[in-house]
Amino acid sequence: MTSIMPCLWFDNRIDEAIEFYTTTFKSAKVHEVTHQDPNGPAFTAVIELEGHKFMLLNGGPEFKFTEAVSFMIDCADQAEVDYFWNRFTADGGAESQCGWCKDKFGLSWQVVPKQIYETVMGKDPAGSQRAMQAMLKMGKLVVADLQKAYAG
């Protein structure tokens, strides 16, 4: 069976990235780690986050992450949104708008509550528009505020 696995390029911080991602996602697994030098940092690793495998590569300073690629986390509720938002924006991460943020490695994440489908993408066009306008003013998405805007 054909599969696709994203490869994330790190600049000599791969060991820190493995630790960060596998402690951030509760069901994370480390499948393999390779070293070019037995005493040096990892060269590659395959980790699994929420059932999805990622290749991590210790590639050096040549390439950086951009907002052109992000990973969306479908959160169950506000508590989950708060957890991931706080993890990603701490220690060198950065907040953006509409639920987007960057972690300390510069990787972009969309931290989105499932309630977005009932509000911003809801069936009532006027309510959806109000929720969209509310969302455009937010950094971290706040479920109660989206629901309030949708209800009018």
N, C-alpha and C. Protein backbone atom coordinates (compact mmCIF):
# COMPACT_ATOMS: atom_id res chain seq x y z
N MET A 1 0.84 -1.19 0.00
CA MET A 1 0.00 0.00 0.00
C MET A 1 0.88 1.24 0.00
N THR A 2 0.55 2.20 -0.81
CA THR A 2 1.26 3.46 -0.87
C THR A 2 0.89 4.30 0.34
N SER A 3 1.87 5.00 0.89
CA SER A 3 1.59 5.91 2.00
C SER A 3 2.38 7.19 1.81
N ILE A 4 1.96 8.20 2.52
CA ILE A 4 2.63 9.50 2.48
C ILE A 4 3.01 9.87 3.91
N MET A 5 4.26 10.31 4.08
CA MET A 5 4.73 10.73 5.40
C MET A 5 5.45 12.07 5.24
N PRO A 6 4.98 13.12 5.93
CA PRO A 6 5.69 14.39 5.85
C PRO A 6 7.08 14.25 6.47
N CYS A 7 8.03 14.96 5.88
CA CYS A 7 9.39 15.02 6.41
C CYS A 7 9.64 16.45 6.89
N LEU A 8 9.94 16.59 8.17
CA LEU A 8 10.15 17.91 8.78
C LEU A 8 11.65 18.13 8.99
N TRP A 9 12.17 19.21 8.44
CA TRP A 9 13.59 19.53 8.43
C TRP A 9 13.93 20.41 9.62
N PHE A 10 14.86 19.97 10.44
CA PHE A 10 15.27 20.73 11.63
C PHE A 10 16.73 21.12 11.52
N ASP A 11 17.06 22.21 12.16
CA ASP A 11 18.43 22.73 12.17
C ASP A 11 19.08 22.37 13.51
N ASN A 12 19.61 21.17 13.59
CA ASN A 12 20.37 20.70 14.76
C ASN A 12 19.59 20.74 16.07
N ARG A 13 18.26 20.64 15.99
CA ARG A 13 17.43 20.59 17.20
C ARG A 13 16.51 19.37 17.17
N ILE A 14 16.90 18.34 16.44
CA ILE A 14 16.02 17.19 16.26
C ILE A 14 15.75 16.47 17.57
N ASP A 15 16.74 16.33 18.43
CA ASP A 15 16.51 15.64 19.70
C ASP A 15 15.50 16.40 20.56
N GLU A 16 15.61 17.73 20.55
CA GLU A 16 14.65 18.57 21.26
C GLU A 16 13.26 18.45 20.64
N ALA A 17 13.19 18.37 19.31
CA ALA A 17 11.91 18.23 18.62
C ALA A 17 11.25 16.90 18.95
N ILE A 18 12.01 15.82 18.96
CA ILE A 18 11.46 14.51 19.32
C ILE A 18 10.85 14.57 20.71
N GLU A 19 11.57 15.12 21.65
CA GLU A 19 11.09 15.22 23.02
C GLU A 19 9.84 16.11 23.11
N PHE A 20 9.88 17.25 22.44
CA PHE A 20 8.75 18.19 22.50
C PHE A 20 7.47 17.58 21.93
N TYR A 21 7.54 17.04 20.72
CA TYR A 21 6.34 16.52 20.09
C TYR A 21 5.81 15.26 20.78
N THR A 22 6.70 14.41 21.24
CA THR A 22 6.23 13.17 21.88
C THR A 22 5.73 13.40 23.30
N THR A 23 6.05 14.53 23.90
CA THR A 23 5.45 14.85 25.20
C THR A 23 4.21 15.73 25.05
N THR A 24 4.09 16.44 23.94
CA THR A 24 2.92 17.28 23.69
C THR A 24 1.70 16.43 23.32
N PHE A 25 1.91 15.44 22.48
CA PHE A 25 0.82 14.56 22.05
C PHE A 25 0.86 13.30 22.91
N LYS A 26 -0.22 13.09 23.65
CA LYS A 26 -0.25 12.03 24.67
C LYS A 26 -0.08 10.62 24.11
N SER A 27 -0.57 10.36 22.91
CA SER A 27 -0.47 9.00 22.35
C SER A 27 0.74 8.85 21.43
N ALA A 28 1.69 9.78 21.48
CA ALA A 28 2.84 9.77 20.58
C ALA A 28 3.72 8.54 20.78
N LYS A 29 4.35 8.15 19.68
CA LYS A 29 5.30 7.02 19.71
C LYS A 29 6.54 7.40 18.92
N VAL A 30 7.68 6.90 19.34
CA VAL A 30 8.91 7.01 18.58
C VAL A 30 9.12 5.65 17.93
N HIS A 31 9.15 5.62 16.59
CA HIS A 31 9.31 4.35 15.88
C HIS A 31 10.77 4.01 15.63
N GLU A 32 11.55 5.02 15.27
CA GLU A 32 12.97 4.75 15.04
C GLU A 32 13.76 6.05 15.10
N VAL A 33 15.00 5.93 15.49
CA VAL A 33 15.94 7.05 15.53
C VAL A 33 17.25 6.55 14.96
N THR A 34 17.83 7.31 14.00
CA THR A 34 19.14 6.93 13.45
C THR A 34 20.15 8.02 13.78
N HIS A 35 21.40 7.62 13.85
CA HIS A 35 22.51 8.55 14.12
C HIS A 35 23.59 8.35 13.07
N GLN A 36 24.18 9.43 12.58
CA GLN A 36 25.35 9.33 11.71
C GLN A 36 26.58 9.12 12.58
N ASP A 37 26.63 9.77 13.71
CA ASP A 37 27.71 9.65 14.69
C ASP A 37 27.09 9.11 15.97
N PRO A 38 27.56 7.98 16.47
CA PRO A 38 26.95 7.39 17.67
C PRO A 38 26.92 8.33 18.87
N ASN A 39 27.82 9.30 18.93
CA ASN A 39 27.87 10.24 20.05
C ASN A 39 27.19 11.57 19.73
N GLY A 40 26.66 11.71 18.52
CA GLY A 40 26.05 12.97 18.11
C GLY A 40 24.54 12.92 18.21
N PRO A 41 23.92 14.01 17.77
CA PRO A 41 22.46 14.06 17.81
C PRO A 41 21.86 13.08 16.80
N ALA A 42 20.57 12.85 16.93
CA ALA A 42 19.87 12.01 15.95
C ALA A 42 20.01 12.65 14.57
N PHE A 43 20.05 11.81 13.55
CA PHE A 43 20.07 12.30 12.17
C PHE A 43 18.65 12.26 11.60
N THR A 44 17.94 11.15 11.82
CA THR A 44 16.55 11.05 11.42
C THR A 44 15.77 10.37 12.55
N ALA A 45 14.48 10.58 12.51
CA ALA A 45 13.59 9.88 13.43
C ALA A 45 12.23 9.75 12.76
N VAL A 46 11.54 8.69 13.09
CA VAL A 46 10.15 8.54 12.68
C VAL A 46 9.34 8.52 13.97
N ILE A 47 8.43 9.50 14.07
CA ILE A 47 7.56 9.57 15.24
C ILE A 47 6.11 9.48 14.75
N GLU A 48 5.23 9.12 15.66
CA GLU A 48 3.81 9.04 15.34
C GLU A 48 3.06 9.96 16.29
N LEU A 49 2.25 10.85 15.70
CA LEU A 49 1.43 11.78 16.47
C LEU A 49 -0.02 11.58 16.06
N GLU A 50 -0.85 11.20 17.00
CA GLU A 50 -2.28 10.98 16.75
C GLU A 50 -2.52 10.09 15.53
N GLY A 51 -1.72 9.03 15.40
CA GLY A 51 -1.91 8.06 14.33
C GLY A 51 -1.24 8.41 13.01
N HIS A 52 -0.54 9.55 12.94
CA HIS A 52 0.13 9.98 11.72
C HIS A 52 1.64 9.94 11.93
N LYS A 53 2.35 9.31 10.99
CA LYS A 53 3.81 9.24 11.09
C LYS A 53 4.44 10.48 10.45
N PHE A 54 5.52 10.93 11.08
CA PHE A 54 6.32 12.06 10.60
C PHE A 54 7.78 11.65 10.61
N MET A 55 8.48 11.97 9.53
CA MET A 55 9.92 11.81 9.49
C MET A 55 10.52 13.13 9.95
N LEU A 56 11.45 13.09 10.88
CA LEU A 56 12.19 14.27 11.31
C LEU A 56 13.61 14.13 10.79
N LEU A 57 14.15 15.17 10.20
CA LEU A 57 15.48 15.15 9.60
C LEU A 57 16.31 16.27 10.20
N ASN A 58 17.49 15.93 10.66
CA ASN A 58 18.42 16.93 11.18
C ASN A 58 19.24 17.46 10.00
N GLY A 59 18.65 18.35 9.23
CA GLY A 59 19.21 18.75 7.95
C GLY A 59 20.12 19.96 7.96
N GLY A 60 20.15 20.74 9.03
CA GLY A 60 20.98 21.93 9.06
C GLY A 60 20.19 23.20 8.77
N PRO A 61 20.89 24.31 8.61
CA PRO A 61 20.24 25.63 8.55
C PRO A 61 19.69 26.04 7.18
N GLU A 62 19.81 25.21 6.16
CA GLU A 62 19.47 25.65 4.82
C GLU A 62 17.99 25.98 4.61
N PHE A 63 17.09 25.21 5.20
CA PHE A 63 15.66 25.40 4.96
C PHE A 63 14.92 25.70 6.26
N LYS A 64 13.89 26.51 6.18
CA LYS A 64 13.08 26.90 7.34
C LYS A 64 11.62 26.56 7.06
N PHE A 65 10.85 26.41 8.12
CA PHE A 65 9.40 26.22 7.99
C PHE A 65 8.77 27.54 7.58
N THR A 66 7.67 27.48 6.84
CA THR A 66 6.88 28.66 6.51
C THR A 66 5.41 28.37 6.79
N GLU A 67 4.59 29.41 6.77
CA GLU A 67 3.17 29.26 6.99
C GLU A 67 2.48 28.57 5.82
N ALA A 68 3.20 28.34 4.72
CA ALA A 68 2.60 27.68 3.56
C ALA A 68 2.19 26.24 3.88
N VAL A 69 2.78 25.67 4.92
CA VAL A 69 2.41 24.34 5.38
C VAL A 69 2.12 24.43 6.87
N SER A 70 0.97 23.87 7.26
CA SER A 70 0.62 23.83 8.68
C SER A 70 -0.09 22.52 8.95
N PHE A 71 -0.18 22.18 10.22
CA PHE A 71 -0.89 20.98 10.63
C PHE A 71 -2.06 21.42 11.50
N MET A 72 -3.25 20.90 11.17
CA MET A 72 -4.45 21.28 11.89
C MET A 72 -4.77 20.23 12.95
N ILE A 73 -5.05 20.71 14.14
CA ILE A 73 -5.46 19.84 15.23
C ILE A 73 -6.94 20.09 15.48
N ASP A 74 -7.74 19.07 15.29
CA ASP A 74 -9.17 19.12 15.52
C ASP A 74 -9.40 18.86 17.01
N CYS A 75 -9.61 19.90 17.78
CA CYS A 75 -9.73 19.78 19.24
C CYS A 75 -11.17 19.52 19.66
N ALA A 76 -11.34 18.72 20.70
CA ALA A 76 -12.66 18.35 21.18
C ALA A 76 -13.38 19.49 21.88
N ASP A 77 -12.63 20.37 22.55
CA ASP A 77 -13.26 21.41 23.37
C ASP A 77 -12.25 22.51 23.68
N GLN A 78 -12.70 23.50 24.45
CA GLN A 78 -11.84 24.63 24.79
C GLN A 78 -10.62 24.20 25.59
N ALA A 79 -10.78 23.24 26.48
CA ALA A 79 -9.64 22.77 27.28
C ALA A 79 -8.53 22.22 26.38
N GLU A 80 -8.90 21.49 25.35
CA GLU A 80 -7.91 20.95 24.42
C GLU A 80 -7.27 22.07 23.60
N VAL A 81 -8.08 23.03 23.16
CA VAL A 81 -7.54 24.19 22.44
C VAL A 81 -6.52 24.90 23.32
N ASP A 82 -6.87 25.15 24.57
CA ASP A 82 -5.97 25.84 25.50
C ASP A 82 -4.68 25.05 25.70
N TYR A 83 -4.79 23.75 25.85
CA TYR A 83 -3.60 22.90 26.07
C TYR A 83 -2.62 23.03 24.92
N PHE A 84 -3.10 22.77 23.69
CA PHE A 84 -2.19 22.81 22.54
C PHE A 84 -1.68 24.23 22.28
N TRP A 85 -2.56 25.22 22.39
CA TRP A 85 -2.15 26.62 22.16
C TRP A 85 -1.03 27.01 23.12
N ASN A 86 -1.21 26.68 24.38
CA ASN A 86 -0.21 27.02 25.38
C ASN A 86 1.10 26.28 25.16
N ARG A 87 1.03 25.01 24.78
CA ARG A 87 2.25 24.24 24.51
C ARG A 87 3.02 24.85 23.32
N PHE A 88 2.31 25.17 22.25
CA PHE A 88 2.98 25.64 21.04
C PHE A 88 3.49 27.07 21.16
N THR A 89 2.79 27.92 21.87
CA THR A 89 3.21 29.32 21.91
C THR A 89 4.20 29.63 23.03
N ALA A 90 4.47 28.67 23.89
CA ALA A 90 5.44 28.88 24.98
C ALA A 90 6.87 28.69 24.47
N ASP A 91 7.81 29.20 25.21
CA ASP A 91 9.25 28.96 24.97
C ASP A 91 9.70 29.24 23.54
N GLY A 92 9.32 30.38 23.00
CA GLY A 92 9.80 30.75 21.68
C GLY A 92 8.79 30.54 20.57
N GLY A 93 7.61 30.01 20.89
CA GLY A 93 6.55 29.90 19.89
C GLY A 93 5.94 31.27 19.64
N ALA A 94 4.98 31.34 18.74
CA ALA A 94 4.38 32.63 18.42
C ALA A 94 2.90 32.48 18.12
N GLU A 95 2.11 33.43 18.62
CA GLU A 95 0.69 33.47 18.32
C GLU A 95 0.47 34.16 16.98
N SER A 96 -0.56 33.72 16.28
CA SER A 96 -0.99 34.40 15.07
C SER A 96 -2.48 34.66 15.23
N GLN A 97 -3.23 34.62 14.14
CA GLN A 97 -4.66 34.88 14.26
C GLN A 97 -5.46 33.70 13.73
N CYS A 98 -6.73 33.69 14.08
CA CYS A 98 -7.70 32.70 13.61
C CYS A 98 -7.31 31.26 13.96
N GLY A 99 -6.68 31.08 15.12
CA GLY A 99 -6.32 29.75 15.57
C GLY A 99 -4.97 29.25 15.08
N TRP A 100 -4.23 30.09 14.36
CA TRP A 100 -2.91 29.69 13.87
C TRP A 100 -1.84 30.13 14.86
N CYS A 101 -0.83 29.29 15.02
CA CYS A 101 0.33 29.64 15.84
C CYS A 101 1.53 28.86 15.34
N LYS A 102 2.69 29.23 15.86
CA LYS A 102 3.93 28.52 15.54
C LYS A 102 4.52 27.98 16.83
N ASP A 103 5.12 26.81 16.73
CA ASP A 103 5.82 26.28 17.88
C ASP A 103 7.24 26.83 17.91
N LYS A 104 8.02 26.44 18.89
CA LYS A 104 9.36 27.00 19.07
C LYS A 104 10.33 26.64 17.95
N PHE A 105 9.95 25.72 17.08
CA PHE A 105 10.79 25.37 15.94
C PHE A 105 10.37 26.13 14.68
N GLY A 106 9.27 26.89 14.77
CA GLY A 106 8.77 27.64 13.63
C GLY A 106 7.72 26.90 12.81
N LEU A 107 7.33 25.71 13.25
CA LEU A 107 6.32 24.93 12.53
C LEU A 107 4.93 25.50 12.85
N SER A 108 4.11 25.68 11.81
CA SER A 108 2.78 26.27 11.97
C SER A 108 1.73 25.21 12.28
N TRP A 109 0.86 25.59 13.20
CA TRP A 109 -0.24 24.73 13.63
C TRP A 109 -1.53 25.52 13.59
N GLN A 110 -2.62 24.83 13.26
CA GLN A 110 -3.96 25.39 13.37
C GLN A 110 -4.64 24.64 14.52
N VAL A 111 -4.91 25.35 15.59
CA VAL A 111 -5.52 24.74 16.78
C VAL A 111 -7.00 25.12 16.74
N VAL A 112 -7.82 24.15 16.33
CA VAL A 112 -9.21 24.44 15.96
C VAL A 112 -10.18 23.57 16.77
N PRO A 113 -11.14 24.21 17.46
CA PRO A 113 -12.15 23.42 18.17
C PRO A 113 -13.16 22.85 17.17
N LYS A 114 -13.68 21.66 17.49
CA LYS A 114 -14.68 21.05 16.59
C LYS A 114 -15.90 21.95 16.43
N GLN A 115 -16.13 22.84 17.38
CA GLN A 115 -17.28 23.74 17.32
C GLN A 115 -17.20 24.74 16.17
N ILE A 116 -16.06 24.81 15.50
CA ILE A 116 -15.93 25.69 14.34
C ILE A 116 -16.89 25.26 13.23
N TYR A 117 -17.16 23.95 13.17
CA TYR A 117 -18.05 23.42 12.14
C TYR A 117 -19.51 23.81 12.40
N GLU A 118 -19.84 24.08 13.66
CA GLU A 118 -21.19 24.48 14.03
C GLU A 118 -21.37 26.00 14.03
N THR A 119 -20.29 26.74 13.99
CA THR A 119 -20.37 28.20 14.08
C THR A 119 -19.89 28.83 12.77
N VAL A 120 -18.62 28.93 12.57
CA VAL A 120 -18.08 29.56 11.36
C VAL A 120 -18.57 28.85 10.10
N MET A 121 -18.73 27.54 10.18
CA MET A 121 -19.22 26.76 9.04
C MET A 121 -20.64 26.25 9.26
N GLY A 122 -21.37 26.90 10.16
CA GLY A 122 -22.73 26.48 10.50
C GLY A 122 -23.72 26.68 9.36
N LYS A 123 -24.91 26.15 9.55
CA LYS A 123 -25.95 26.16 8.51
C LYS A 123 -26.62 27.52 8.35
N ASP A 124 -26.62 28.34 9.39
CA ASP A 124 -27.25 29.67 9.32
C ASP A 124 -26.25 30.66 8.73
N PRO A 125 -26.51 31.16 7.52
CA PRO A 125 -25.54 32.06 6.86
C PRO A 125 -25.23 33.32 7.68
N ALA A 126 -26.23 33.91 8.28
CA ALA A 126 -26.00 35.13 9.07
C ALA A 126 -25.18 34.80 10.32
N GLY A 127 -25.51 33.69 10.97
CA GLY A 127 -24.75 33.26 12.15
C GLY A 127 -23.31 32.92 11.79
N SER A 128 -23.13 32.25 10.67
CA SER A 128 -21.78 31.91 10.21
C SER A 128 -20.95 33.16 9.94
N GLN A 129 -21.57 34.15 9.34
CA GLN A 129 -20.88 35.40 9.05
C GLN A 129 -20.47 36.11 10.34
N ARG A 130 -21.37 36.13 11.32
CA ARG A 130 -21.03 36.75 12.61
C ARG A 130 -19.89 35.99 13.30
N ALA A 131 -19.96 34.67 13.26
CA ALA A 131 -18.90 33.86 13.86
C ALA A 131 -17.58 34.07 13.14
N MET A 132 -17.63 34.18 11.81
CA MET A 132 -16.41 34.44 11.03
C MET A 132 -15.80 35.79 11.42
N GLN A 133 -16.62 36.80 11.54
CA GLN A 133 -16.12 38.12 11.93
C GLN A 133 -15.50 38.08 13.33
N ALA A 134 -16.10 37.32 14.23
CA ALA A 134 -15.54 37.17 15.58
C ALA A 134 -14.20 36.44 15.51
N MET A 135 -14.14 35.38 14.71
CA MET A 135 -12.91 34.60 14.59
C MET A 135 -11.76 35.44 14.03
N LEU A 136 -12.06 36.31 13.09
CA LEU A 136 -11.01 37.13 12.47
C LEU A 136 -10.34 38.07 13.47
N LYS A 137 -10.98 38.31 14.60
CA LYS A 137 -10.41 39.17 15.65
C LYS A 137 -9.65 38.38 16.70
N MET A 138 -9.68 37.04 16.60
CA MET A 138 -9.07 36.20 17.63
C MET A 138 -7.68 35.74 17.24
N GLY A 139 -6.87 35.50 18.26
CA GLY A 139 -5.65 34.72 18.09
C GLY A 139 -6.05 33.28 18.35
N LYS A 140 -5.99 32.90 19.63
CA LYS A 140 -6.51 31.59 20.05
C LYS A 140 -8.02 31.63 19.90
N LEU A 141 -8.59 30.56 19.35
CA LEU A 141 -10.04 30.50 19.18
C LEU A 141 -10.71 30.20 20.52
N VAL A 142 -11.77 30.95 20.79
CA VAL A 142 -12.52 30.81 22.03
C VAL A 142 -13.91 30.32 21.67
N VAL A 143 -14.21 29.09 22.05
CA VAL A 143 -15.46 28.44 21.69
C VAL A 143 -16.67 29.26 22.12
N ALA A 144 -16.70 29.72 23.35
CA ALA A 144 -17.86 30.47 23.86
C ALA A 144 -18.10 31.73 23.03
N ASP A 145 -17.04 32.40 22.63
CA ASP A 145 -17.20 33.63 21.84
C ASP A 145 -17.69 33.33 20.44
N LEU A 146 -17.24 32.23 19.84
CA LEU A 146 -17.74 31.82 18.53
C LEU A 146 -19.22 31.45 18.61
N GLN A 147 -19.60 30.72 19.64
CA GLN A 147 -21.00 30.33 19.82
C GLN A 147 -21.89 31.53 20.07
N LYS A 148 -21.41 32.48 20.85
CA LYS A 148 -22.18 33.68 21.15
C LYS A 148 -22.39 34.51 19.87
N ALA A 149 -21.32 34.65 19.07
CA ALA A 149 -21.43 35.40 17.82
C ALA A 149 -22.40 34.70 16.86
N TYR A 150 -22.32 33.38 16.79
CA TYR A 150 -23.20 32.62 15.88
C TYR A 150 -24.66 32.81 16.29
N ALA A 151 -24.93 32.76 17.59
CA ALA A 151 -26.30 32.86 18.10
C ALA A 151 -26.87 34.28 17.90
N GLY A 152 -25.94 35.24 17.83
CA GLY A 152 -26.38 36.61 17.60
C GLY A 152 -26.72 37.29 18.86
